[in-house]
Amino acid sequence: MWNDLTSNIYSFFIGGLLFLFTYHFIIYLQYRKKFYLYYSLYTLSLSLYLLEWNLGIGLSNPLLSFKPVLLYLSNGFYLFFINEILPFKDTDPKWYRIINTMGKICLITAGAIWSIYFMFEDWLKPQILFFNITTCLYIVFVFRVLYKLITLKTVYSKYILIGSSIYFLGAFTTFTISFFLSIKEFSQAYGFQLLSFTVVGIAIEALVFALIIGYKNKETESAKIMAQQNEQLQKQKVNNLLKEQEINIINAMVEGQENERNRLASDLHDNVGATLSAAKLQFDHLYKNRQSTAQSDKIFEKTAQLLEDAYKELRNFAHIKNNGVIAKYGLLPAVERLAKTTSLENLHIEVQHFGLDKKLNNEKEIALFRVIQELTNNIIKHADATEASISLTLRKDILNIIIEDNGKGFVQATTATYNPTGMGLNSIEKRIERMEGTLEIDSSLGKGTSIIIEIPV
């Protein structure tokens, strides 16, 4: 048995390795990442190897045959571990397969070494011979792997190289001294065990590998967060693209409506308007040359009034485009004209304005006028209101538009289909968003409707 101090130190190292095994194996059960499994098995095999040494098993004990088995098990798990940590799988599949194959060979070698115990009566010498031959081959391969790590120049390869070099340096020191002094002679001469060099190397390497796992886990989580952020960004881009396409469709629809209105208004003004004017002149001539009677006068006066009303309605419809008014005078005069022409006997529309004493961008004014026009049409067609107001306020480059009525109101869930013959409030909202503005709707059944629009100008 070793002295108590050395035994206690070794027990501390063994306990630390067993703790690392338990901790990382539990993490593996939770996350199912292979490098956790291989590291935990690596530390377990090393702790069992040191435990055999700490128990002071002699050459006559059959368990001695299990020491090289544990070493080769640890070698296999070591190769599996670095293969999962390093980027060979993606960057160099050939090396990934080579290291993976060598790890499997180490596990097979461990089984072969142990089988020698059962195959030979004098098993120790053939086992040592086989172990030495395979170990030399393994060392050559490991040094080739370490050289490959030097060429990688990654964070993981650097720290694996440091940890492995310290372990191999300790093992090489133990191996070299053992040629000149036996374990017992060394212990008597220097007061500590020859295997201490290997134990310290194992402990430092295990700690370095644990730090690598921590860094790997942090990097994995960062990559996961980055992937989630990129996914959200891509979704946002897709949503923005769909939104832009929707707005473009709405703009195209409204532009088509605008062109059709202008064409229809021009045709009515040029053709029907001229015909109606001629009919009115002819009727005026008949009116002047009529045979006056109470009944005929009443009919003529009513017909004249109908012709006059029809002509006014035609002129009002012909001026629906209002682009000329907006371009010449601005948004406010066009809205005032709209309120005047659309007010009915049972519906009064009032226009209020504060600070809007200048023209705005012509394209934006036309777009806003169409929105106000559509909302006004909604009031006329659907609200059953007797009073409505349009308020335009300009404060610090923000145009505030409030359109209110005292009508029957509506359930706001139906805003998308509130006006099935026009743009609809949902489409209007998209147009407002296109102008980087906001639209708020406050309505409930029986309490009228208030719509607030804010647009940067």
Protein backbone atom coordinates (compact mmCIF):
# COMPACT_ATOMS: atom_id res chain seq x y z
CA MET A 1 0.00 0.00 0.00
CA TRP A 2 1.10 3.55 -0.60
CA ASN A 3 1.73 5.94 2.28
CA ASP A 4 -1.36 7.62 3.67
CA LEU A 5 -0.60 11.11 2.25
CA THR A 6 -0.11 9.81 -1.27
CA SER A 7 -3.16 7.59 -0.93
CA ASN A 8 -5.28 10.55 0.19
CA ILE A 9 -4.07 12.68 -2.72
CA TYR A 10 -4.86 9.91 -5.19
CA SER A 11 -8.25 9.41 -3.58
CA PHE A 12 -8.92 13.12 -4.08
CA PHE A 13 -8.07 12.86 -7.78
CA ILE A 14 -10.17 9.72 -8.18
CA GLY A 15 -13.11 11.38 -6.43
CA GLY A 16 -12.76 14.40 -8.73
CA LEU A 17 -12.80 12.18 -11.81
CA LEU A 18 -15.84 10.28 -10.54
CA PHE A 19 -17.59 13.60 -9.91
CA LEU A 20 -16.84 14.72 -13.48
CA PHE A 21 -18.17 11.37 -14.74
CA THR A 22 -21.41 11.64 -12.76
CA TYR A 23 -22.01 15.30 -13.61
CA HIS A 24 -21.45 14.97 -17.36
CA PHE A 25 -23.30 11.68 -17.63
CA ILE A 26 -26.37 13.30 -16.06
CA ILE A 27 -26.05 16.19 -18.52
CA TYR A 28 -25.80 13.66 -21.35
CA LEU A 29 -29.05 12.00 -20.21
CA GLN A 30 -30.71 15.41 -20.37
CA TYR A 31 -29.31 16.80 -23.65
CA ARG A 32 -28.20 13.60 -25.48
CA LYS A 33 -25.04 15.18 -26.87
CA LYS A 34 -22.37 12.57 -27.57
CA PHE A 35 -19.38 14.56 -26.32
CA TYR A 36 -20.93 14.52 -22.81
CA LEU A 37 -21.19 10.72 -22.97
CA TYR A 38 -17.66 10.13 -24.25
CA TYR A 39 -16.14 12.53 -21.73
CA SER A 40 -18.01 10.90 -18.83
CA LEU A 41 -16.88 7.40 -19.93
CA TYR A 42 -13.34 8.70 -20.40
CA THR A 43 -13.18 10.04 -16.83
CA LEU A 44 -14.80 6.84 -15.49
CA SER A 45 -12.20 4.58 -17.12
CA LEU A 46 -9.35 6.79 -15.86
CA SER A 47 -10.75 6.86 -12.32
CA LEU A 48 -11.04 3.04 -12.29
CA TYR A 49 -7.49 2.77 -13.61
CA LEU A 50 -6.16 5.00 -10.81
CA LEU A 51 -8.31 3.15 -8.29
CA GLU A 52 -6.60 -0.14 -9.16
CA TRP A 53 -3.21 1.46 -8.63
CA ASN A 54 -4.34 3.01 -5.36
CA LEU A 55 -5.51 -0.39 -4.09
CA GLY A 56 -1.96 -1.70 -4.59
CA ILE A 57 -2.92 -4.77 -6.63
CA GLY A 58 0.08 -7.06 -7.09
CA LEU A 59 1.20 -9.03 -10.14
CA SER A 60 -0.41 -12.22 -8.83
CA ASN A 61 -3.86 -10.64 -8.73
CA PRO A 62 -6.03 -11.39 -11.80
CA LEU A 63 -7.37 -7.84 -11.68
CA LEU A 64 -3.95 -6.68 -12.84
CA SER A 65 -4.99 -7.86 -16.29
CA PHE A 66 -7.72 -5.22 -16.27
CA LYS A 67 -5.36 -2.21 -15.99
CA PRO A 68 -4.33 -2.16 -19.68
CA VAL A 69 -7.96 -2.84 -20.56
CA LEU A 70 -8.96 0.35 -18.74
CA LEU A 71 -6.18 2.27 -20.44
CA TYR A 72 -7.38 1.23 -23.88
CA LEU A 73 -10.97 1.94 -22.99
CA SER A 74 -9.92 5.45 -21.97
CA ASN A 75 -7.94 5.78 -25.23
CA GLY A 76 -11.01 4.88 -27.28
CA PHE A 77 -13.29 7.28 -25.42
CA TYR A 78 -10.60 9.98 -25.71
CA LEU A 79 -10.63 9.66 -29.51
CA PHE A 80 -14.43 9.62 -29.66
CA PHE A 81 -14.53 12.73 -27.47
CA ILE A 82 -12.11 14.86 -29.50
CA ASN A 83 -13.82 13.69 -32.69
CA GLU A 84 -17.13 15.13 -31.44
CA ILE A 85 -15.56 18.35 -30.19
CA LEU A 86 -13.46 19.11 -33.27
CA PRO A 87 -15.09 20.17 -36.57
CA PHE A 88 -13.79 17.19 -38.57
CA LYS A 89 -17.30 15.91 -39.28
CA ASP A 90 -18.10 19.00 -41.36
CA THR A 91 -14.67 20.19 -42.51
CA ASP A 92 -12.72 16.95 -42.99
CA PRO A 93 -14.95 13.84 -43.12
CA LYS A 94 -11.96 11.64 -43.98
CA TRP A 95 -10.20 12.43 -40.69
CA TYR A 96 -13.48 12.08 -38.83
CA ARG A 97 -13.83 8.51 -40.12
CA ILE A 98 -10.15 7.72 -39.37
CA ILE A 99 -10.36 8.89 -35.74
CA ASN A 100 -13.70 7.17 -35.26
CA THR A 101 -12.28 3.91 -36.64
CA MET A 102 -9.21 4.16 -34.42
CA GLY A 103 -11.45 4.68 -31.39
CA LYS A 104 -13.31 1.48 -32.23
CA ILE A 105 -9.98 -0.34 -32.67
CA CYS A 106 -8.97 0.79 -29.16
CA LEU A 107 -12.14 -0.71 -27.70
CA ILE A 108 -11.54 -3.95 -29.61
CA THR A 109 -7.92 -3.96 -28.39
CA ALA A 110 -9.13 -3.58 -24.80
CA GLY A 111 -11.23 -6.70 -25.24
CA ALA A 112 -8.35 -8.56 -26.89
CA ILE A 113 -5.95 -7.70 -24.05
CA TRP A 114 -8.39 -8.98 -21.45
CA SER A 115 -9.07 -12.17 -23.43
CA ILE A 116 -5.35 -13.06 -23.16
CA TYR A 117 -5.93 -13.71 -19.45
CA PHE A 118 -8.33 -16.52 -20.36
CA MET A 119 -6.35 -17.83 -23.35
CA PHE A 120 -2.95 -18.33 -21.70
CA GLU A 121 -2.07 -19.91 -18.39
CA ASP A 122 0.99 -17.70 -18.13
CA TRP A 123 -0.96 -14.69 -19.34
CA LEU A 124 1.18 -11.83 -17.99
CA LYS A 125 4.04 -11.93 -20.52
CA PRO A 126 1.91 -12.20 -23.69
CA GLN A 127 -0.39 -9.54 -22.33
CA ILE A 128 2.50 -7.15 -21.69
CA LEU A 129 3.97 -7.90 -25.13
CA PHE A 130 0.67 -7.29 -26.90
CA PHE A 131 0.07 -4.17 -24.84
CA ASN A 132 3.50 -2.71 -25.65
CA ILE A 133 3.14 -3.36 -29.39
CA THR A 134 -0.34 -1.86 -29.65
CA THR A 135 0.63 1.05 -27.40
CA CYS A 136 3.52 1.99 -29.69
CA LEU A 137 1.16 1.98 -32.67
CA TYR A 138 -1.39 3.99 -30.72
CA ILE A 139 1.21 6.59 -29.68
CA VAL A 140 2.29 7.04 -33.31
CA PHE A 141 -1.33 7.60 -34.32
CA VAL A 142 -2.00 10.01 -31.46
CA PHE A 143 1.05 12.11 -32.34
CA ARG A 144 -0.25 12.28 -35.91
CA VAL A 145 -3.58 13.48 -34.54
CA LEU A 146 -1.83 16.07 -32.38
CA TYR A 147 0.03 17.34 -35.44
CA LYS A 148 -3.31 17.63 -37.21
CA LEU A 149 -4.59 19.68 -34.26
CA ILE A 150 -1.68 22.09 -34.68
CA THR A 151 -2.70 22.73 -38.29
CA LEU A 152 -6.35 23.32 -37.37
CA LYS A 153 -5.66 26.46 -35.33
CA THR A 154 -9.06 26.51 -33.63
CA VAL A 155 -9.86 27.20 -29.97
CA TYR A 156 -10.84 23.58 -29.39
CA SER A 157 -7.78 22.12 -31.08
CA LYS A 158 -5.51 24.42 -29.08
CA TYR A 159 -6.91 23.41 -25.69
CA ILE A 160 -7.14 19.71 -26.59
CA LEU A 161 -3.50 19.94 -27.64
CA ILE A 162 -2.55 21.56 -24.32
CA GLY A 163 -4.47 19.04 -22.18
CA SER A 164 -3.28 16.02 -24.15
CA SER A 165 0.34 17.22 -24.14
CA ILE A 166 0.34 17.58 -20.35
CA TYR A 167 -1.11 14.09 -19.94
CA PHE A 168 1.36 12.52 -22.38
CA LEU A 169 4.24 14.40 -20.77
CA GLY A 170 3.32 12.96 -17.36
CA ALA A 171 2.88 9.46 -18.79
CA PHE A 172 6.13 9.74 -20.75
CA THR A 173 7.98 10.85 -17.61
CA THR A 174 6.64 7.88 -15.67
CA PHE A 175 7.45 5.50 -18.54
CA THR A 176 11.02 6.83 -18.94
CA ILE A 177 11.93 6.73 -15.24
CA SER A 178 10.55 3.19 -14.94
CA PHE A 179 13.41 2.00 -17.20
CA PHE A 180 15.93 3.05 -14.57
CA LEU A 181 14.08 2.71 -11.26
CA SER A 182 11.31 0.40 -10.11
CA ILE A 183 8.16 1.86 -8.59
CA LYS A 184 9.32 0.79 -5.12
CA GLU A 185 12.86 2.17 -5.57
CA PHE A 186 11.53 5.50 -6.81
CA SER A 187 9.09 5.77 -3.91
CA GLN A 188 11.84 5.06 -1.37
CA ALA A 189 14.23 7.51 -3.04
CA TYR A 190 11.88 10.47 -3.57
CA GLY A 191 9.03 9.93 -1.10
CA PHE A 192 6.18 9.86 -3.64
CA GLN A 193 4.86 7.46 -6.20
CA LEU A 194 6.26 7.26 -9.73
CA LEU A 195 2.72 7.23 -11.10
CA SER A 196 2.20 10.73 -9.64
CA PHE A 197 3.43 12.29 -12.91
CA THR A 198 0.73 10.45 -14.84
CA VAL A 199 -1.93 11.24 -12.23
CA VAL A 200 -1.19 14.97 -12.35
CA GLY A 201 -1.28 14.86 -16.16
CA ILE A 202 -4.62 13.04 -16.10
CA ALA A 203 -6.09 15.53 -13.62
CA ILE A 204 -4.98 18.58 -15.62
CA GLU A 205 -6.16 17.08 -18.90
CA ALA A 206 -9.57 16.17 -17.43
CA LEU A 207 -9.94 19.73 -16.11
CA VAL A 208 -8.96 21.26 -19.47
CA PHE A 209 -11.44 18.99 -21.26
CA ALA A 210 -14.16 20.02 -18.80
CA LEU A 211 -13.43 23.67 -19.66
CA ILE A 212 -13.64 22.78 -23.35
CA ILE A 213 -17.06 21.23 -22.80
CA GLY A 214 -18.22 24.35 -20.97
CA TYR A 215 -17.03 26.54 -23.83
CA LYS A 216 -18.58 24.19 -26.39
CA ASN A 217 -21.90 24.27 -24.58
CA LYS A 218 -21.80 28.08 -24.40
CA GLU A 219 -20.97 28.28 -28.10
CA THR A 220 -23.79 25.85 -28.92
CA GLU A 221 -26.28 27.91 -26.93
CA SER A 222 -25.03 31.10 -28.61
CA ALA A 223 -25.39 29.45 -32.01
CA LYS A 224 -28.90 28.31 -31.06
CA ILE A 225 -29.87 31.82 -29.99
CA MET A 226 -28.33 33.23 -33.16
CA ALA A 227 -30.25 30.70 -35.26
CA GLN A 228 -33.49 31.64 -33.50
CA GLN A 229 -32.78 35.33 -34.07
CA ASN A 230 -32.01 34.67 -37.73
CA GLU A 231 -35.21 32.66 -38.04
CA GLN A 232 -37.20 35.49 -36.48
CA LEU A 233 -35.43 37.96 -38.77
CA GLN A 234 -36.27 35.84 -41.81
CA LYS A 235 -39.89 35.58 -40.67
CA GLN A 236 -39.97 39.35 -40.20
CA LYS A 237 -38.53 39.83 -43.68
CA VAL A 238 -41.15 37.49 -45.13
CA ASN A 239 -43.92 39.28 -43.21
CA ASN A 240 -42.62 42.66 -44.39
CA LEU A 241 -42.48 41.37 -47.95
CA LEU A 242 -46.03 40.01 -47.74
CA LYS A 243 -47.15 43.26 -46.15
CA GLU A 244 -45.49 45.27 -48.90
CA GLN A 245 -47.06 43.06 -51.56
CA GLU A 246 -50.46 43.50 -49.91
CA ILE A 247 -50.00 47.26 -49.85
CA ASN A 248 -48.91 47.23 -53.50
CA ILE A 249 -52.04 45.24 -54.38
CA ILE A 250 -54.20 47.74 -52.49
CA ASN A 251 -52.42 50.65 -54.17
CA ALA A 252 -52.92 49.02 -57.57
CA MET A 253 -56.60 48.43 -56.78
CA VAL A 254 -57.12 52.01 -55.62
CA GLU A 255 -55.14 53.36 -58.56
CA GLY A 256 -57.38 51.35 -60.87
CA GLN A 257 -60.45 52.72 -59.11
CA GLU A 258 -58.97 56.21 -59.38
CA ASN A 259 -58.34 55.88 -63.10
CA GLU A 260 -61.80 54.45 -63.68
CA ARG A 261 -63.40 57.26 -61.68
CA ASN A 262 -61.46 59.88 -63.62
CA ARG A 263 -62.40 58.27 -66.94
CA LEU A 264 -66.05 57.97 -65.94
CA ALA A 265 -66.12 61.51 -64.58
CA SER A 266 -64.57 62.87 -67.77
CA ASP A 267 -67.00 60.93 -69.96
CA LEU A 268 -69.97 62.12 -67.93
CA HIS A 269 -68.79 65.71 -67.97
CA ASP A 270 -67.97 65.74 -71.67
CA ASN A 271 -70.84 63.64 -73.03
CA VAL A 272 -73.76 63.36 -70.62
CA GLY A 273 -73.04 66.83 -69.25
CA ALA A 274 -73.19 68.38 -72.71
CA THR A 275 -76.40 66.49 -73.52
CA LEU A 276 -77.98 67.54 -70.24
CA SER A 277 -76.96 71.16 -70.80
CA ALA A 278 -78.56 71.09 -74.25
CA ALA A 279 -81.70 69.52 -72.81
CA LYS A 280 -81.79 72.23 -70.14
CA LEU A 281 -81.51 74.98 -72.79
CA GLN A 282 -84.30 73.39 -74.82
CA PHE A 283 -86.44 73.10 -71.72
CA ASP A 284 -85.78 76.77 -70.84
CA HIS A 285 -86.97 77.70 -74.33
CA LEU A 286 -90.13 75.63 -73.87
CA TYR A 287 -90.61 77.17 -70.42
CA LYS A 288 -90.52 80.69 -71.83
CA ASN A 289 -92.98 79.87 -74.64
CA ARG A 290 -95.39 77.80 -72.58
CA GLN A 291 -99.08 78.40 -72.25
CA SER A 292 -99.24 79.38 -68.63
CA THR A 293 -101.71 77.55 -66.45
CA ALA A 294 -101.51 76.75 -62.75
CA GLN A 295 -101.04 73.07 -63.40
CA SER A 296 -98.53 73.46 -66.25
CA ASP A 297 -96.53 76.04 -64.30
CA LYS A 298 -96.20 73.62 -61.41
CA ILE A 299 -95.08 70.80 -63.72
CA PHE A 300 -92.62 73.05 -65.56
CA GLU A 301 -91.15 74.36 -62.30
CA LYS A 302 -90.73 70.86 -60.88
CA THR A 303 -89.17 69.59 -64.11
CA ALA A 304 -86.82 72.59 -64.20
CA GLN A 305 -85.79 71.89 -60.63
CA LEU A 306 -85.18 68.21 -61.45
CA LEU A 307 -83.01 69.17 -64.42
CA GLU A 308 -81.09 71.64 -62.29
CA ASP A 309 -80.59 69.05 -59.54
CA ALA A 310 -79.49 66.43 -62.06
CA TYR A 311 -77.02 68.88 -63.61
CA LYS A 312 -75.60 69.74 -60.17
CA GLU A 313 -75.31 66.07 -59.22
CA LEU A 314 -73.54 65.40 -62.49
CA ARG A 315 -71.10 68.25 -61.86
CA ASN A 316 -70.48 67.01 -58.32
CA PHE A 317 -69.80 63.50 -59.57
CA ALA A 318 -67.58 64.84 -62.35
CA HIS A 319 -65.56 66.66 -59.71
CA ILE A 320 -65.11 63.44 -57.67
CA LYS A 321 -61.53 63.24 -58.89
CA ASN A 322 -60.73 66.60 -57.30
CA ASN A 323 -57.08 66.15 -58.30
CA GLY A 324 -57.14 69.55 -59.92
CA VAL A 325 -58.53 71.16 -56.76
CA ILE A 326 -55.96 69.42 -54.55
CA ALA A 327 -53.08 70.29 -56.87
CA LYS A 328 -54.15 73.93 -57.07
CA TYR A 329 -55.44 74.69 -53.58
CA GLY A 330 -54.45 71.78 -51.32
CA LEU A 331 -56.08 69.16 -49.12
CA LEU A 332 -58.19 71.44 -46.92
CA PRO A 333 -60.21 73.13 -49.72
CA ALA A 334 -60.82 69.72 -51.31
CA VAL A 335 -62.12 68.32 -48.00
CA GLU A 336 -64.32 71.38 -47.42
CA ARG A 337 -65.72 70.99 -50.91
CA LEU A 338 -66.29 67.29 -50.28
CA ALA A 339 -68.18 68.04 -47.05
CA LYS A 340 -70.31 70.65 -48.79
CA THR A 341 -71.25 68.45 -51.75
CA THR A 342 -71.91 65.31 -49.69
CA SER A 343 -73.94 66.93 -46.90
CA LEU A 344 -77.56 65.85 -47.09
CA GLU A 345 -80.80 67.23 -45.72
CA ASN A 346 -80.60 64.81 -42.79
CA LEU A 347 -76.77 64.73 -42.47
CA HIS A 348 -74.61 67.75 -41.74
CA ILE A 349 -70.84 67.33 -42.21
CA GLU A 350 -68.65 69.94 -40.54
CA VAL A 351 -64.96 70.58 -41.28
CA GLN A 352 -62.58 71.97 -38.65
CA HIS A 353 -58.91 72.75 -39.14
CA PHE A 354 -56.05 73.91 -36.93
CA GLY A 355 -52.61 74.86 -38.20
CA LEU A 356 -53.15 73.46 -41.70
CA ASP A 357 -52.24 76.65 -43.52
CA LYS A 358 -49.88 75.19 -46.11
CA LYS A 359 -49.97 72.67 -48.92
CA LEU A 360 -48.46 69.27 -48.32
CA ASN A 361 -46.93 66.75 -50.70
CA ASN A 362 -49.40 66.47 -53.60
CA GLU A 363 -49.28 62.67 -53.80
CA LYS A 364 -49.83 62.36 -50.05
CA GLU A 365 -52.66 64.91 -50.15
CA ILE A 366 -54.43 62.94 -52.88
CA ALA A 367 -54.00 59.68 -50.94
CA LEU A 368 -55.33 61.29 -47.74
CA PHE A 369 -58.25 62.83 -49.60
CA ARG A 370 -59.24 59.42 -50.96
CA VAL A 371 -59.12 57.99 -47.45
CA ILE A 372 -61.28 60.83 -46.08
CA GLN A 373 -63.62 60.47 -49.06
CA GLU A 374 -63.99 56.73 -48.46
CA LEU A 375 -64.64 57.21 -44.74
CA THR A 376 -67.20 59.91 -45.54
CA ASN A 377 -68.94 57.53 -47.95
CA ASN A 378 -68.99 54.94 -45.16
CA ILE A 379 -70.81 57.42 -42.92
CA ILE A 380 -73.37 58.21 -45.62
CA LYS A 381 -74.01 54.57 -46.57
CA HIS A 382 -73.77 52.73 -43.26
CA ALA A 383 -73.77 54.97 -40.18
CA ASP A 384 -77.36 56.38 -40.21
CA ALA A 385 -75.81 59.51 -38.70
CA THR A 386 -77.27 63.02 -38.55
CA GLU A 387 -74.01 64.79 -37.72
CA ALA A 388 -70.42 64.18 -38.70
CA SER A 389 -67.20 66.13 -38.40
CA ILE A 390 -63.82 66.10 -40.12
CA SER A 391 -61.00 67.67 -38.11
CA LEU A 392 -57.54 68.32 -39.58
CA THR A 393 -54.76 69.47 -37.23
CA LEU A 394 -51.10 70.00 -38.14
CA ARG A 395 -48.63 69.99 -35.23
CA LYS A 396 -44.86 69.63 -35.59
CA ASP A 397 -44.95 67.85 -38.96
CA ILE A 398 -47.68 65.45 -37.78
CA LEU A 399 -51.08 65.70 -39.44
CA ASN A 400 -53.90 64.55 -37.18
CA ILE A 401 -57.22 63.69 -38.83
CA ILE A 402 -60.30 62.90 -36.74
CA ILE A 403 -63.51 61.76 -38.44
CA GLU A 404 -66.49 61.33 -36.11
CA ASP A 405 -70.20 60.64 -36.47
CA ASN A 406 -73.15 60.10 -34.16
CA GLY A 407 -74.43 57.09 -36.07
CA LYS A 408 -75.23 53.53 -35.05
CA GLY A 409 -71.60 52.40 -34.75
CA PHE A 410 -70.38 48.89 -35.41
CA VAL A 411 -68.54 45.94 -33.87
CA GLN A 412 -64.85 46.49 -34.60
CA ALA A 413 -64.30 42.83 -35.53
CA THR A 414 -66.16 43.62 -38.76
CA THR A 415 -63.84 46.43 -39.88
CA ALA A 416 -62.37 44.36 -42.70
CA THR A 417 -65.79 44.12 -44.38
CA TYR A 418 -67.31 47.35 -43.10
CA ASN A 419 -67.44 48.72 -46.64
CA PRO A 420 -67.77 45.85 -49.11
CA THR A 421 -68.09 48.23 -52.10
CA GLY A 422 -65.07 50.39 -51.30
CA MET A 423 -61.61 50.02 -49.82
CA GLY A 424 -62.81 48.84 -46.44
CA LEU A 425 -61.30 49.99 -43.16
CA ASN A 426 -58.72 47.22 -43.24
CA SER A 427 -57.51 48.34 -46.65
CA ILE A 428 -57.56 51.96 -45.52
CA GLU A 429 -55.40 50.99 -42.57
CA LYS A 430 -52.88 49.40 -44.95
CA ARG A 431 -52.74 52.63 -46.97
CA ILE A 432 -52.14 54.61 -43.80
CA GLU A 433 -49.32 52.23 -42.83
CA ARG A 434 -47.86 52.73 -46.29
CA MET A 435 -47.60 56.43 -45.44
CA GLU A 436 -45.94 55.45 -42.11
CA GLY A 437 -49.00 56.61 -40.22
CA THR A 438 -51.36 55.12 -37.67
CA LEU A 439 -55.11 54.57 -37.59
CA GLU A 440 -57.25 54.09 -34.48
CA ILE A 441 -60.93 53.17 -34.47
CA ASP A 442 -63.24 53.69 -31.54
CA SER A 443 -66.74 52.41 -32.18
CA SER A 444 -69.49 50.52 -30.44
CA LEU A 445 -73.09 49.79 -31.28
CA GLY A 446 -75.36 52.78 -30.68
CA LYS A 447 -72.52 55.17 -29.76
CA GLY A 448 -71.20 56.33 -33.11
CA THR A 449 -67.72 56.05 -34.52
CA SER A 450 -64.48 57.97 -34.08
CA ILE A 451 -61.52 57.38 -36.39
CA ILE A 452 -58.15 58.99 -35.63
CA ILE A 453 -55.40 59.12 -38.25
CA GLU A 454 -51.90 60.46 -37.70
CA ILE A 455 -49.52 60.93 -40.63
CA PRO A 456 -45.97 62.34 -40.66
CA VAL A 457 -45.73 65.12 -43.24
